[in-house]
Structures are given as C-alpha cells and as structure tokens.
Protein backbone atom coordinates (compact mmCIF):
# COMPACT_ATOMS: atom_id res chain seq x y z
CA MET A 1 7.13 26.29 -1.21
CA GLN A 2 4.05 24.25 -0.49
CA THR A 3 0.75 24.59 -2.80
CA LYS A 4 -2.57 23.03 -2.00
CA LEU A 5 -3.84 20.29 -4.57
CA THR A 6 -7.44 18.99 -4.61
CA LEU A 7 -7.97 15.46 -5.83
CA ARG A 8 -11.29 13.81 -6.68
CA LEU A 9 -11.34 10.20 -5.73
CA GLU A 10 -13.96 7.51 -4.73
CA ASP A 11 -14.77 7.48 -1.02
CA HIS A 12 -13.29 4.01 -0.48
CA VAL A 13 -10.10 4.99 -2.08
CA ILE A 14 -9.63 7.88 0.24
CA GLU A 15 -10.58 5.70 3.31
CA GLN A 16 -8.06 3.12 1.91
CA ALA A 17 -5.29 6.05 1.77
CA LYS A 18 -6.15 7.25 5.27
CA GLN A 19 -5.82 3.72 6.62
CA TYR A 20 -2.56 3.19 4.83
CA ALA A 21 -1.20 6.61 5.90
CA ALA A 22 -2.05 5.74 9.56
CA GLN A 23 -0.41 2.36 9.43
CA ALA A 24 2.61 4.03 7.94
CA GLY A 25 2.68 6.72 10.64
CA LYS A 26 2.43 9.33 7.80
CA SER A 27 -0.18 11.96 6.42
CA VAL A 28 -2.07 11.27 3.23
CA SER A 29 -0.31 14.37 1.75
CA GLN A 30 3.12 12.61 2.54
CA ILE A 31 2.10 9.40 1.14
CA VAL A 32 1.14 11.31 -2.20
CA THR A 33 4.23 13.43 -2.13
CA ASP A 34 6.38 10.17 -1.85
CA TYR A 35 4.54 8.56 -4.68
CA PHE A 36 4.93 11.45 -6.82
CA LYS A 37 8.83 11.62 -6.02
CA LEU A 38 8.97 7.86 -6.73
CA LEU A 39 7.29 8.38 -10.14
CA ALA A 40 9.78 11.13 -10.93
CA ALA A 41 12.60 9.16 -10.01
CA HIS A 42 11.52 6.31 -12.09
CA GLN A 43 11.28 8.44 -15.14
CA ALA A 44 14.59 9.86 -14.59
CA ALA A 45 16.27 6.47 -14.12
CA PRO A 46 13.92 4.14 -15.93
CA GLU A 47 16.80 1.74 -16.49
CA THR A 48 16.77 0.08 -12.89
CA PRO A 49 18.30 -3.50 -12.73
CA PRO A 50 15.68 -6.35 -12.94
CA PRO A 51 14.90 -8.20 -9.68
CA PRO A 52 17.22 -11.09 -8.91
CA ILE A 53 14.83 -13.82 -10.34
CA THR A 54 14.39 -12.15 -13.39
CA ARG A 55 18.26 -11.89 -13.92
CA SER A 56 18.52 -15.75 -13.15
CA LEU A 57 16.17 -16.39 -15.92
CA ARG A 58 17.69 -14.21 -18.57
CA GLY A 59 19.11 -16.25 -21.37
CA LEU A 60 17.63 -19.37 -20.11
CA LEU A 61 16.10 -20.29 -23.61
CA ARG A 62 18.94 -19.05 -25.72
CA GLY A 63 19.70 -21.70 -28.38
CA CYS A 64 16.34 -23.09 -28.41
CA ASP A 65 14.31 -23.57 -31.73
CA LEU A 66 11.09 -22.11 -30.14
CA ASP A 67 9.26 -19.12 -31.88
CA GLU A 68 6.04 -17.21 -31.50
CA GLN A 69 4.03 -19.87 -33.52
CA ASP A 70 5.09 -22.44 -31.06
CA TYR A 71 4.06 -20.45 -28.19
CA ARG A 72 0.75 -19.77 -29.93
CA ARG A 73 0.28 -23.48 -30.52
CA PHE A 74 0.92 -24.23 -26.80
CA LEU A 75 -1.59 -21.81 -25.68
CA GLU A 76 -4.49 -23.22 -27.96
CA GLU A 77 -3.67 -26.61 -26.76
CA LYS A 78 -3.71 -25.65 -23.34
CA HIS A 79 -7.01 -23.71 -23.42
CA ARG A 80 -9.03 -26.29 -25.50
C-alpha cells in the first residue's frame, strides 16, 4: 500500500534532489524510499564490517605506550 507523505524542505534541497533523481533515472519518491530502506537496514544490522582501510589499521598501535594525555599534548603543540 502506498501513502502520500508531505515533506517541507528548502527550495535548493528540492532542486538538488530532483537533479540527483534525474541523473539516477529515478523519481524523487523512489530516492526517498531507497534512503528510508537503507536507514532501516542499517538499524537492523548496525554491525556491518568496516571498510578494508579501517580493517588494515586496526591494532596498528597495539603495544604502544600512548594515552589520551599524549594525544592532547600533540594537539596543543600542533596548534600553537
């Protein structure tokens, strides 16, 4: 069953949505539907595996003697 939904958006956002939909060969309604389905799927399975670059960095600093204070000192020196 389909039901009508009214959204209040800024004019420029609507224009961007229309342009995006046209480039994708879909209607704005279909784009919104796809997005809501994506959100629902993400909530149902939030534990998606991290991207390969993130997986490659995991554990990289294991065994280092760095803590939050070291990081704060680094940032303070960096932004002087």
